[in-house]
N, C-alpha and C. Protein backbone atom coordinates (compact mmCIF):
# COMPACT_ATOMS: atom_id res chain seq x y z
N UNK A 1 232.72 96.88 -8.11
CA UNK A 1 233.81 95.73 -8.17
C UNK A 1 234.29 96.61 -9.41
N UNK A 2 235.45 96.87 -8.97
CA UNK A 2 236.15 97.79 -10.08
C UNK A 2 236.92 96.31 -11.43
N UNK A 3 236.95 96.91 -12.55
CA UNK A 3 237.09 96.37 -13.33
C UNK A 3 238.86 96.62 -13.96
N UNK A 4 239.57 95.31 -14.52
CA UNK A 4 240.69 95.41 -14.35
C UNK A 4 241.60 96.32 -15.77
N UNK A 5 240.12 95.99 -16.55
CA UNK A 5 240.31 97.21 -18.06
C UNK A 5 240.70 98.47 -17.57
N UNK A 6 240.61 98.82 -16.86
CA UNK A 6 240.22 100.24 -16.65
C UNK A 6 241.30 100.59 -15.46
N UNK A 7 242.76 101.78 -16.01
CA UNK A 7 242.98 101.92 -15.05
C UNK A 7 242.64 103.10 -13.76
N UNK A 8 241.60 103.84 -14.24
CA UNK A 8 240.88 104.97 -13.64
C UNK A 8 239.48 104.78 -13.66
N UNK A 9 238.69 104.48 -12.46
CA UNK A 9 237.16 104.69 -12.35
C UNK A 9 236.49 105.66 -11.59
N UNK A 10 235.54 106.36 -12.27
CA UNK A 10 234.49 106.93 -11.09
C UNK A 10 233.33 106.07 -11.29
N UNK A 11 231.93 106.49 -10.54
CA UNK A 11 231.03 105.92 -10.29
C UNK A 11 230.72 105.15 -11.73
N UNK A 12 230.34 106.02 -12.53
CA UNK A 12 229.51 105.37 -14.05
C UNK A 12 230.23 104.93 -14.99
N UNK A 13 232.03 105.54 -15.01
CA UNK A 13 232.89 105.36 -16.06
C UNK A 13 234.11 104.83 -15.66
N UNK A 14 234.61 104.35 -16.71
CA UNK A 14 236.22 103.90 -16.38
C UNK A 14 236.86 104.21 -17.63
N UNK A 15 237.93 104.77 -17.56
CA UNK A 15 239.13 105.29 -18.61
C UNK A 15 240.03 103.84 -19.05
N UNK A 16 240.51 103.72 -20.38
CA UNK A 16 241.42 102.80 -20.87
C UNK A 16 241.54 103.27 -21.79
N UNK A 17 243.08 103.13 -22.26
CA UNK A 17 243.87 103.15 -23.52
C UNK A 17 242.81 102.62 -24.29
N UNK A 18 243.01 103.61 -25.44
CA UNK A 18 242.84 103.75 -27.10
C UNK A 18 243.68 102.22 -27.41
N UNK A 19 243.35 101.47 -28.05
CA UNK A 19 243.81 100.37 -29.31
C UNK A 19 243.41 100.60 -30.73
N UNK A 20 244.34 100.01 -31.65
CA UNK A 20 244.37 99.83 -32.87
C UNK A 20 242.50 99.64 -33.20
N UNK A 21 241.75 98.91 -32.07
CA UNK A 21 240.43 98.16 -32.28
C UNK A 21 239.36 99.63 -32.33
N UNK A 22 239.99 100.35 -32.18
CA UNK A 22 239.28 101.93 -31.73
C UNK A 22 238.79 102.34 -32.98
N UNK A 23 239.75 102.11 -33.86
CA UNK A 23 239.83 102.71 -35.04
C UNK A 23 238.69 103.14 -35.78
N UNK A 24 237.88 102.29 -36.12
CA UNK A 24 236.21 102.92 -36.45
C UNK A 24 235.47 104.02 -35.67
N UNK A 25 235.94 103.85 -34.36
CA UNK A 25 234.65 104.16 -33.69
C UNK A 25 235.56 105.71 -33.59
N UNK A 26 236.77 105.85 -33.66
CA UNK A 26 237.10 107.39 -34.14
C UNK A 26 236.83 107.89 -35.00
N UNK A 27 237.04 106.97 -36.02
CA UNK A 27 236.32 107.88 -37.69
C UNK A 27 234.98 108.17 -37.53
N UNK A 28 234.63 107.61 -36.96
CA UNK A 28 232.65 107.88 -36.52
C UNK A 28 232.36 108.81 -35.95
N UNK A 29 233.11 109.01 -34.82
CA UNK A 29 233.28 110.31 -34.12
C UNK A 29 233.90 111.62 -34.82
N UNK A 30 234.91 111.93 -35.29
CA UNK A 30 235.39 113.08 -36.07
C UNK A 30 234.26 113.06 -37.82
N UNK A 31 233.45 112.03 -37.88
CA UNK A 31 232.50 112.07 -39.00
C UNK A 31 231.45 112.96 -38.25
N UNK A 32 231.48 113.26 -37.42
CA UNK A 32 230.21 113.87 -36.60
C UNK A 32 229.97 115.38 -36.16
N UNK A 33 229.28 116.09 -37.23
CA UNK A 33 229.61 117.75 -37.37
C UNK A 33 229.34 118.42 -35.96
N UNK A 34 228.24 117.88 -35.75
CA UNK A 34 228.30 118.72 -33.74
C UNK A 34 229.21 118.21 -32.93
N UNK A 35 229.62 116.93 -32.68
CA UNK A 35 230.70 116.43 -32.29
C UNK A 35 231.92 117.52 -32.40
N UNK A 36 232.20 117.23 -33.23
CA UNK A 36 233.69 118.37 -33.90
C UNK A 36 233.56 119.33 -33.98
N UNK A 37 232.58 119.97 -33.72
CA UNK A 37 232.46 121.32 -33.91
C UNK A 37 233.15 122.44 -32.99
N UNK A 38 233.94 122.08 -32.07
CA UNK A 38 234.05 123.01 -30.95
C UNK A 38 236.03 122.04 -31.07
N UNK A 39 236.11 121.11 -31.92
CA UNK A 39 237.26 119.93 -32.04
C UNK A 39 238.38 120.37 -33.41
N UNK A 40 237.88 121.55 -34.20
CA UNK A 40 238.70 121.54 -34.77
C UNK A 40 237.74 120.84 -36.60
N UNK A 41 236.70 120.79 -35.85
CA UNK A 41 236.12 120.11 -37.48
C UNK A 41 236.18 118.85 -37.43
N UNK A 42 235.56 118.41 -38.72
CA UNK A 42 235.31 116.93 -39.10
C UNK A 42 236.87 116.92 -39.70
N UNK A 43 237.24 115.29 -39.83
CA UNK A 43 238.58 114.77 -39.81
C UNK A 43 237.97 113.72 -41.00
N UNK A 44 238.92 113.52 -41.71
CA UNK A 44 238.95 112.48 -43.07
C UNK A 44 239.09 111.11 -42.01
N UNK A 45 238.74 110.08 -42.82
CA UNK A 45 239.08 108.34 -42.19
C UNK A 45 240.42 108.86 -42.34
N UNK A 46 241.66 108.94 -43.23
CA UNK A 46 242.78 109.08 -42.90
C UNK A 46 243.17 109.77 -41.79
N UNK A 47 242.48 111.36 -42.05
CA UNK A 47 243.39 112.40 -40.75
C UNK A 47 242.66 111.82 -39.29
N UNK A 48 241.84 110.75 -39.39
CA UNK A 48 241.45 110.17 -37.88
C UNK A 48 242.28 109.58 -37.52
N UNK A 49 242.52 108.73 -38.11
CA UNK A 49 243.58 107.53 -38.56
C UNK A 49 244.78 107.74 -38.11
N UNK A 50 245.94 109.08 -38.63
CA UNK A 50 246.84 109.60 -38.25
C UNK A 50 246.90 110.19 -36.67
N UNK A 51 245.34 110.64 -36.25
CA UNK A 51 245.17 111.38 -35.07
C UNK A 51 245.93 110.14 -33.90
N UNK A 52 245.16 108.69 -34.02
CA UNK A 52 244.84 107.76 -33.59
C UNK A 52 246.81 107.06 -33.27
N UNK A 53 246.84 107.06 -34.63
CA UNK A 53 248.36 106.63 -34.32
C UNK A 53 249.52 107.72 -33.59
N UNK A 54 249.55 108.81 -33.64
CA UNK A 54 250.34 109.85 -33.73
C UNK A 54 250.18 110.59 -32.55
N UNK A 55 248.89 110.94 -31.94
CA UNK A 55 248.20 111.83 -31.17
C UNK A 55 248.20 110.99 -29.61
N UNK A 56 247.66 109.87 -30.10
CA UNK A 56 247.09 109.05 -29.01
C UNK A 56 248.31 107.73 -28.89
N UNK A 57 248.04 106.55 -29.58
CA UNK A 57 248.82 105.32 -29.72
C UNK A 57 250.26 105.46 -28.82
N UNK A 58 250.61 106.58 -29.77
CA UNK A 58 252.54 107.16 -29.89
C UNK A 58 252.29 107.55 -28.62
N UNK A 59 251.99 108.41 -28.35
CA UNK A 59 252.04 109.11 -27.00
C UNK A 59 252.05 108.60 -25.85
N UNK A 60 251.15 107.38 -25.52
CA UNK A 60 251.72 106.83 -24.55
C UNK A 60 252.87 106.47 -23.50
N UNK A 61 253.87 105.75 -25.12
CA UNK A 61 254.93 105.19 -24.54
C UNK A 61 255.99 106.02 -24.25
N UNK A 62 256.10 107.48 -25.34
CA UNK A 62 256.52 108.46 -25.48
C UNK A 62 256.38 109.88 -24.03
N UNK A 63 255.00 109.43 -23.29
CA UNK A 63 254.91 110.26 -22.14
C UNK A 63 254.06 109.73 -20.91
N UNK A 64 254.91 108.69 -20.49
CA UNK A 64 254.07 107.72 -19.00
C UNK A 64 253.21 108.71 -18.45
N UNK A 65 251.94 107.61 -18.22
CA UNK A 65 251.17 108.66 -17.18
C UNK A 65 250.51 109.46 -17.70
N UNK A 66 250.45 109.99 -19.26
CA UNK A 66 249.80 110.88 -19.72
C UNK A 66 249.27 110.54 -20.92
N UNK A 67 248.37 111.13 -21.56
CA UNK A 67 247.53 110.36 -22.77
C UNK A 67 245.84 110.95 -23.35
N UNK A 68 245.23 110.21 -23.75
CA UNK A 68 244.11 110.59 -23.98
C UNK A 68 243.32 108.92 -23.95
N UNK A 69 242.30 109.03 -23.15
CA UNK A 69 241.93 107.80 -23.13
C UNK A 69 240.40 107.60 -23.38
N UNK A 70 240.09 106.34 -23.72
CA UNK A 70 238.54 105.84 -24.01
C UNK A 70 237.47 106.30 -22.75
N UNK A 71 236.72 107.29 -22.76
CA UNK A 71 235.41 106.93 -21.81
C UNK A 71 234.67 106.05 -21.62
N UNK A 72 234.58 105.10 -21.21
CA UNK A 72 233.84 103.96 -21.26
C UNK A 72 232.57 103.75 -19.57
N UNK A 73 231.32 103.75 -20.38
CA UNK A 73 229.83 103.31 -19.57
C UNK A 73 230.55 102.34 -18.63
N UNK A 74 230.76 101.97 -17.39
CA UNK A 74 231.01 100.54 -16.86
C UNK A 74 229.65 99.49 -16.63
N UNK A 75 228.53 100.26 -16.95
CA UNK A 75 227.26 99.01 -16.44
C UNK A 75 227.22 98.85 -18.01
N UNK A 76 227.08 99.50 -18.92
CA UNK A 76 227.04 98.33 -20.13
C UNK A 76 228.15 98.15 -21.27
N UNK A 77 229.61 99.21 -20.93
CA UNK A 77 230.36 98.67 -21.50
C UNK A 77 230.58 99.61 -22.82
N UNK A 78 229.57 100.54 -22.64
CA UNK A 78 229.30 101.33 -24.10
C UNK A 78 230.75 102.47 -24.30
N UNK A 79 230.89 103.07 -25.59
CA UNK A 79 232.20 103.74 -25.51
C UNK A 79 231.52 105.47 -25.64
N UNK A 80 231.82 106.09 -24.41
CA UNK A 80 231.05 107.50 -24.44
C UNK A 80 231.86 108.35 -25.28
N UNK A 81 233.09 108.25 -25.34
CA UNK A 81 234.19 109.78 -25.87
C UNK A 81 235.46 109.47 -25.13
N UNK A 82 235.88 110.56 -25.19
CA UNK A 82 237.40 110.44 -24.76
C UNK A 82 237.80 111.64 -23.23
N UNK A 83 238.85 111.36 -22.63
CA UNK A 83 239.18 112.36 -21.80
C UNK A 83 240.76 112.71 -21.82
N UNK A 84 241.17 113.43 -21.60
CA UNK A 84 242.40 113.57 -21.66
C UNK A 84 243.37 114.15 -21.17
N UNK A 85 244.95 114.11 -20.41
CA UNK A 85 245.52 114.70 -19.89
C UNK A 85 246.77 114.60 -20.62
N UNK A 86 246.85 115.83 -21.23
CA UNK A 86 248.47 115.32 -22.07
C UNK A 86 248.76 117.12 -22.18
N UNK A 87 249.67 116.98 -23.29
CA UNK A 87 250.47 118.90 -23.26
C UNK A 87 249.62 119.14 -24.43
N UNK A 88 249.79 120.47 -24.68
CA UNK A 88 249.09 120.96 -25.42
C UNK A 88 249.95 121.59 -26.60
N UNK A 89 249.85 121.29 -27.97
CA UNK A 89 250.74 120.40 -28.96
C UNK A 89 251.49 121.50 -28.91
N UNK A 90 252.76 122.06 -29.21
CA UNK A 90 253.92 122.09 -29.28
C UNK A 90 254.30 123.10 -28.35
N UNK A 91 253.52 122.89 -27.05
CA UNK A 91 254.18 123.10 -25.79
C UNK A 91 253.98 122.60 -24.63
N UNK A 92 254.83 123.02 -23.65
CA UNK A 92 255.05 122.11 -22.69
C UNK A 92 254.32 122.03 -21.25
N UNK A 93 253.27 122.82 -21.45
CA UNK A 93 251.75 122.85 -20.93
C UNK A 93 250.98 121.51 -21.13
N UNK A 94 250.75 120.98 -19.64
CA UNK A 94 249.87 119.66 -19.82
C UNK A 94 248.14 120.51 -19.28
N UNK A 95 247.25 119.63 -20.20
CA UNK A 95 246.22 120.40 -20.40
C UNK A 95 244.97 119.08 -19.71
N UNK A 96 243.78 119.25 -19.50
CA UNK A 96 242.91 118.23 -19.34
C UNK A 96 242.33 118.38 -19.88
N UNK A 97 241.17 117.52 -21.06
CA UNK A 97 240.19 118.05 -21.52
C UNK A 97 239.28 116.65 -21.97
N UNK A 98 238.24 116.66 -22.66
CA UNK A 98 237.40 115.78 -23.33
C UNK A 98 236.36 116.13 -24.47
N UNK A 99 236.18 115.45 -24.69
CA UNK A 99 234.89 115.02 -26.19
C UNK A 99 233.90 114.01 -25.42
N UNK A 100 232.64 114.21 -25.83
CA UNK A 100 231.71 113.17 -25.72
C UNK A 100 230.76 112.93 -27.09
N UNK A 101 230.43 111.96 -27.20
CA UNK A 101 229.38 111.09 -28.30
C UNK A 101 228.09 112.05 -28.00
N UNK A 102 227.31 112.12 -28.38
CA UNK A 102 225.89 112.94 -28.46
C UNK A 102 224.80 112.45 -27.45
N UNK A 103 225.04 110.89 -27.30
CA UNK A 103 224.38 110.04 -26.36
C UNK A 103 224.72 110.32 -24.78
N UNK A 104 225.88 110.84 -24.80
CA UNK A 104 226.54 111.03 -23.82
C UNK A 104 226.41 112.30 -23.00
N UNK A 105 226.10 113.53 -24.11
CA UNK A 105 225.29 115.12 -23.15
C UNK A 105 225.00 114.98 -22.55
N UNK A 106 224.78 116.49 -21.77
CA UNK A 106 223.91 116.23 -20.28
C UNK A 106 223.62 115.07 -19.25
N UNK A 107 224.72 114.86 -19.39
CA UNK A 107 224.69 113.21 -17.89
C UNK A 107 225.53 114.09 -16.99
N UNK A 108 226.69 114.69 -17.31
CA UNK A 108 227.52 114.81 -16.17
C UNK A 108 228.57 114.29 -16.32
N UNK A 109 228.69 113.20 -17.47
CA UNK A 109 229.95 112.41 -17.49
C UNK A 109 231.20 113.25 -17.56
N UNK A 110 231.21 114.60 -18.44
CA UNK A 110 232.10 115.45 -19.03
C UNK A 110 233.09 115.91 -17.29
N UNK A 111 232.11 116.38 -16.67
CA UNK A 111 232.91 116.78 -15.08
C UNK A 111 233.15 115.37 -13.94
N UNK A 112 232.21 114.58 -13.73
CA UNK A 112 233.06 113.46 -13.43
C UNK A 112 233.42 113.21 -13.32
N UNK A 113 234.51 112.48 -14.75
CA UNK A 113 235.38 112.24 -15.07
C UNK A 113 236.57 112.96 -15.27
N UNK A 114 236.44 113.81 -15.71
CA UNK A 114 237.36 115.18 -16.09
C UNK A 114 238.14 115.53 -14.48
N UNK A 115 236.76 115.54 -13.35
CA UNK A 115 237.50 115.77 -12.02
C UNK A 115 238.33 114.66 -11.29
N UNK A 116 237.92 113.46 -11.88
CA UNK A 116 239.12 112.71 -11.46
C UNK A 116 240.47 112.48 -12.14
N UNK A 117 240.48 113.02 -13.38
CA UNK A 117 241.58 113.19 -14.12
C UNK A 117 242.27 114.29 -13.72
N UNK A 118 241.83 115.24 -12.91
CA UNK A 118 242.55 116.37 -12.46
C UNK A 118 243.05 116.17 -11.12
N UNK A 119 242.58 115.35 -10.31
CA UNK A 119 242.94 114.83 -9.00
C UNK A 119 244.21 114.00 -9.62
N UNK A 120 243.98 112.85 -10.64
CA UNK A 120 245.10 112.08 -10.52
C UNK A 120 246.25 112.59 -10.91
N UNK A 121 246.23 114.10 -11.83
CA UNK A 121 247.60 114.72 -12.21
C UNK A 121 247.58 115.20 -11.14
N UNK A 122 247.11 115.75 -10.28
CA UNK A 122 247.92 116.62 -8.90
C UNK A 122 248.17 115.80 -7.86
N UNK A 123 247.40 114.68 -7.70
CA UNK A 123 248.10 113.86 -6.55
C UNK A 123 249.00 112.66 -6.89
N UNK A 124 248.99 112.05 -8.03
CA UNK A 124 249.19 110.89 -8.16
C UNK A 124 250.52 111.13 -9.11
N UNK A 125 250.35 112.14 -10.02
CA UNK A 125 251.56 112.50 -10.50
C UNK A 125 252.10 113.63 -10.34
N UNK A 126 251.84 114.45 -9.75
CA UNK A 126 252.60 115.61 -8.72
C UNK A 126 253.13 116.46 -9.99
N UNK A 127 251.68 117.05 -10.17
CA UNK A 127 252.48 117.91 -11.73
C UNK A 127 251.66 119.37 -10.79
N UNK A 128 252.41 120.27 -11.00
CA UNK A 128 252.32 121.49 -10.59
C UNK A 128 251.31 122.81 -10.84
N UNK A 129 251.32 122.52 -12.10
CA UNK A 129 250.03 122.82 -12.60
C UNK A 129 249.34 122.28 -14.07
N UNK A 130 248.18 122.32 -14.27
CA UNK A 130 247.29 121.61 -14.83
C UNK A 130 245.92 123.07 -15.65
N UNK A 131 245.99 122.85 -17.11
CA UNK A 131 245.26 124.07 -17.69
C UNK A 131 243.70 123.58 -18.33
N UNK A 132 243.33 124.49 -18.97
CA UNK A 132 242.55 123.39 -20.04
C UNK A 132 241.75 124.90 -20.64
N UNK A 133 241.22 124.47 -21.76
CA UNK A 133 240.77 125.48 -22.90
C UNK A 133 239.52 125.02 -23.53
N UNK A 134 238.79 126.01 -23.71
CA UNK A 134 237.89 125.70 -24.73
C UNK A 134 237.55 126.60 -25.77
N UNK A 135 236.89 126.34 -26.85
CA UNK A 135 236.15 127.11 -27.69
C UNK A 135 235.47 128.50 -27.12
N UNK A 136 235.96 129.64 -27.57
CA UNK A 136 234.63 131.22 -26.69
C UNK A 136 233.34 130.93 -26.77
N UNK A 137 233.13 129.61 -27.86
CA UNK A 137 231.85 129.77 -28.02
C UNK A 137 230.96 128.50 -27.23
N UNK A 138 232.12 127.80 -26.92
CA UNK A 138 231.61 126.33 -26.29
C UNK A 138 231.84 126.78 -24.80
N UNK A 139 230.42 127.46 -24.42
CA UNK A 139 230.46 127.86 -22.83
C UNK A 139 230.11 125.93 -22.17
N UNK A 140 228.88 125.39 -22.90
CA UNK A 140 229.47 123.99 -21.78
C UNK A 140 230.53 123.28 -21.24
N UNK A 141 231.67 123.78 -22.04
CA UNK A 141 232.98 123.00 -21.70
C UNK A 141 233.61 124.06 -20.66
N UNK A 142 233.67 124.96 -21.33
CA UNK A 142 233.89 126.34 -20.20
C UNK A 142 233.32 126.41 -18.69
N UNK A 143 231.99 125.59 -18.61
CA UNK A 143 231.52 125.53 -17.40
C UNK A 143 232.18 124.40 -16.49
N UNK A 144 232.51 123.34 -17.50
CA UNK A 144 232.90 122.16 -16.94
C UNK A 144 234.52 122.53 -16.38
N UNK A 145 235.04 122.80 -17.08
CA UNK A 145 236.21 123.35 -16.47
C UNK A 145 236.51 124.09 -15.49
N UNK A 146 235.52 125.07 -15.31
CA UNK A 146 235.30 125.87 -13.95
C UNK A 146 234.84 124.89 -13.04
N UNK A 147 234.03 124.08 -13.25
CA UNK A 147 233.45 123.35 -12.12
C UNK A 147 234.46 122.33 -11.21
N UNK A 148 235.31 121.57 -12.08
CA UNK A 148 236.59 120.98 -12.02
C UNK A 148 237.56 121.14 -10.90
N UNK A 149 237.30 122.67 -10.82
CA UNK A 149 238.57 123.48 -10.05
C UNK A 149 239.51 124.30 -10.69
N UNK A 150 239.22 124.33 -12.12
CA UNK A 150 240.14 125.40 -12.59
C UNK A 150 239.84 127.06 -12.78
N UNK A 151 240.68 127.91 -12.96
CA UNK A 151 240.09 128.91 -13.07
C UNK A 151 240.12 129.87 -14.27
N UNK A 152 239.10 130.42 -14.65
CA UNK A 152 239.25 131.27 -15.97
C UNK A 152 240.45 132.66 -15.54
N UNK A 153 241.30 132.33 -16.62
CA UNK A 153 242.16 133.39 -17.08
C UNK A 153 242.46 134.11 -18.17
N UNK A 154 241.50 134.56 -18.41
CA UNK A 154 241.25 135.25 -19.55
C UNK A 154 241.11 134.39 -21.19
N UNK A 155 241.77 134.65 -22.05
CA UNK A 155 242.16 134.19 -23.51
C UNK A 155 243.87 133.30 -23.92
N UNK A 156 243.71 132.77 -24.91
CA UNK A 156 245.34 132.55 -25.17
C UNK A 156 244.71 131.59 -26.57
N UNK A 157 245.75 132.45 -27.31
CA UNK A 157 246.18 131.67 -28.81
C UNK A 157 247.43 130.54 -28.79
N UNK A 158 247.56 129.77 -29.46
CA UNK A 158 248.60 129.02 -30.16
C UNK A 158 248.85 128.97 -31.47
N UNK A 159 250.06 129.00 -31.85
CA UNK A 159 250.64 128.50 -32.79
C UNK A 159 250.58 127.34 -33.58
N UNK A 160 250.17 126.43 -32.97
CA UNK A 160 250.29 125.16 -33.06
C UNK A 160 248.95 125.26 -34.28
N UNK A 161 248.94 124.25 -35.73
CA UNK A 161 248.21 124.20 -36.35
C UNK A 161 246.77 123.81 -36.33
N UNK A 162 246.92 122.74 -35.18
CA UNK A 162 245.71 122.17 -34.67
C UNK A 162 245.10 123.28 -33.61
N UNK A 163 245.52 124.27 -33.01
CA UNK A 163 244.73 125.80 -32.71
C UNK A 163 244.42 126.77 -33.24
N UNK A 164 245.66 126.79 -34.42
CA UNK A 164 245.69 128.38 -34.86
C UNK A 164 244.46 128.92 -35.65
N UNK A 165 243.83 127.93 -36.51
CA UNK A 165 242.54 128.40 -37.42
C UNK A 165 241.25 128.93 -35.65
N UNK A 166 241.52 128.31 -34.50
CA UNK A 166 240.20 128.72 -33.84
C UNK A 166 240.63 130.21 -33.12
N UNK A 167 242.14 130.86 -33.10
CA UNK A 167 242.57 132.10 -32.64
C UNK A 167 242.42 131.98 -30.81
N UNK A 168 242.41 132.99 -30.29
CA UNK A 168 242.11 133.26 -28.97
C UNK A 168 241.21 132.24 -28.01
N UNK A 169 241.47 131.38 -27.47
CA UNK A 169 240.75 130.32 -27.39
C UNK A 169 240.55 130.82 -25.20
N UNK A 170 238.85 130.46 -24.60
CA UNK A 170 238.98 130.70 -23.47
C UNK A 170 240.01 129.89 -22.39
N UNK A 171 240.43 130.32 -21.88
CA UNK A 171 241.96 130.01 -21.13
C UNK A 171 241.71 129.72 -19.43
N UNK A 172 242.11 128.37 -18.84
CA UNK A 172 241.58 127.96 -17.84
C UNK A 172 243.29 127.41 -17.06
N UNK A 173 243.16 127.60 -15.63
CA UNK A 173 244.48 126.90 -15.15
C UNK A 173 244.38 127.04 -13.62
N UNK A 174 245.15 126.11 -13.13
CA UNK A 174 245.30 126.22 -11.81
C UNK A 174 246.56 125.21 -10.99
N UNK A 175 246.88 125.46 -9.98
CA UNK A 175 247.96 125.50 -9.78
C UNK A 175 247.70 124.44 -8.89
N UNK A 176 248.79 123.27 -8.48
CA UNK A 176 248.21 122.49 -7.16
C UNK A 176 247.76 122.76 -5.97
N UNK A 177 248.69 123.42 -4.99
CA UNK A 177 248.20 124.11 -3.83
C UNK A 177 246.88 124.80 -3.81
N UNK A 178 246.70 125.65 -4.80
CA UNK A 178 245.44 126.17 -4.97
C UNK A 178 244.09 125.23 -5.30
N UNK A 179 244.73 124.64 -6.05
CA UNK A 179 243.55 123.61 -6.26
C UNK A 179 243.03 122.19 -5.06
N UNK A 180 244.36 122.30 -4.48
CA UNK A 180 243.97 121.27 -3.03
C UNK A 180 242.99 122.49 -2.37
N UNK A 181 243.44 124.03 -2.01
CA UNK A 181 242.68 124.51 -1.08
C UNK A 181 241.50 124.93 -1.36
N UNK A 182 240.96 124.88 -3.08
CA UNK A 182 239.66 125.14 -3.49
C UNK A 182 238.64 123.71 -3.17
N UNK A 183 239.58 122.30 -3.19
CA UNK A 183 239.08 121.51 -3.08
C UNK A 183 238.68 121.12 -1.57
N UNK A 184 239.32 121.56 -0.81
CA UNK A 184 238.90 121.29 0.83
C UNK A 184 237.74 122.55 1.19
N UNK A 185 237.72 123.45 0.37
CA UNK A 185 236.61 124.15 0.87
C UNK A 185 235.17 123.50 -0.06
N UNK A 186 235.28 123.03 -1.26
CA UNK A 186 234.18 122.71 -1.89
C UNK A 186 233.96 120.98 -1.49
N UNK A 187 234.83 120.65 -0.30
CA UNK A 187 234.11 119.14 0.52
C UNK A 187 233.71 119.78 1.85
N UNK A 188 233.97 120.71 2.06
CA UNK A 188 233.80 121.31 3.39
C UNK A 188 232.24 121.98 3.11
N UNK A 189 231.74 122.28 1.85
CA UNK A 189 230.80 123.27 2.05
C UNK A 189 229.29 121.68 1.19
N UNK A 190 230.20 120.76 1.10
CA UNK A 190 229.02 119.48 0.70
C UNK A 190 228.91 118.41 1.66
N UNK A 191 230.18 118.79 2.66
CA UNK A 191 229.75 117.96 3.87
C UNK A 191 230.01 116.37 3.54
N UNK A 192 231.14 116.57 2.67
CA UNK A 192 231.32 115.07 2.25
C UNK A 192 232.08 113.97 3.72
N UNK A 193 231.19 113.35 3.75
CA UNK A 193 231.74 112.00 4.98
C UNK A 193 232.51 111.27 4.71
N UNK A 194 233.78 110.89 5.26
CA UNK A 194 234.50 110.06 5.01
C UNK A 194 235.65 110.06 3.78
N UNK A 195 235.99 111.34 3.37
CA UNK A 195 237.11 111.78 2.62
C UNK A 195 237.91 112.49 3.72
N UNK A 196 239.13 112.19 3.43
CA UNK A 196 239.84 112.98 4.45
C UNK A 196 240.37 114.40 3.31
N UNK A 197 240.74 115.48 4.19
CA UNK A 197 241.15 116.89 3.28
C UNK A 197 242.37 116.61 2.68
N UNK A 198 242.50 117.26 1.73
CA UNK A 198 243.85 117.10 1.10
C UNK A 198 244.87 118.26 2.05
N UNK A 199 246.17 117.90 2.10
CA UNK A 199 247.09 118.42 2.74
C UNK A 199 248.07 118.59 1.80
């Protein structure tokens, strides 16, 4: 049964907008050195608050349909992390991404939800192309980006301060038509019943 609190649901998770009530949760997330290892490092409480306001809350109204959303376990209501479909800062490129709390690692949550977001971006929003990027050392995230249907296309670096210190990152991309073709092949290989092919 669907939950009206979520705008997008997968078998195990739901996505909802962040609110100011998530401030302490986000501070804790960015205070974890392991979780933020590939997120540009830890943030102070003030930096996390600024991120919440400018990159998350204000972004919703400025960019309808896009954003960073809280990833919630449907069965327990636990906040597992976040998934996103938004602009790479300083660019017009739309990216898919995610970050999870440590208890949610290794459970397939990143793939499950990111796959649904990619479909939303291509099918519901009609985006012509979606990208993804990950630190070169973050092989787990690179695997997820490929598993959901993005294609590795070398490395890219961006001048925005949020990414500059990282240098070149593993770069992934897929155009809408190519994603639909890939998805039909994947479905055929898995013999998924009851799902019409994308046209």
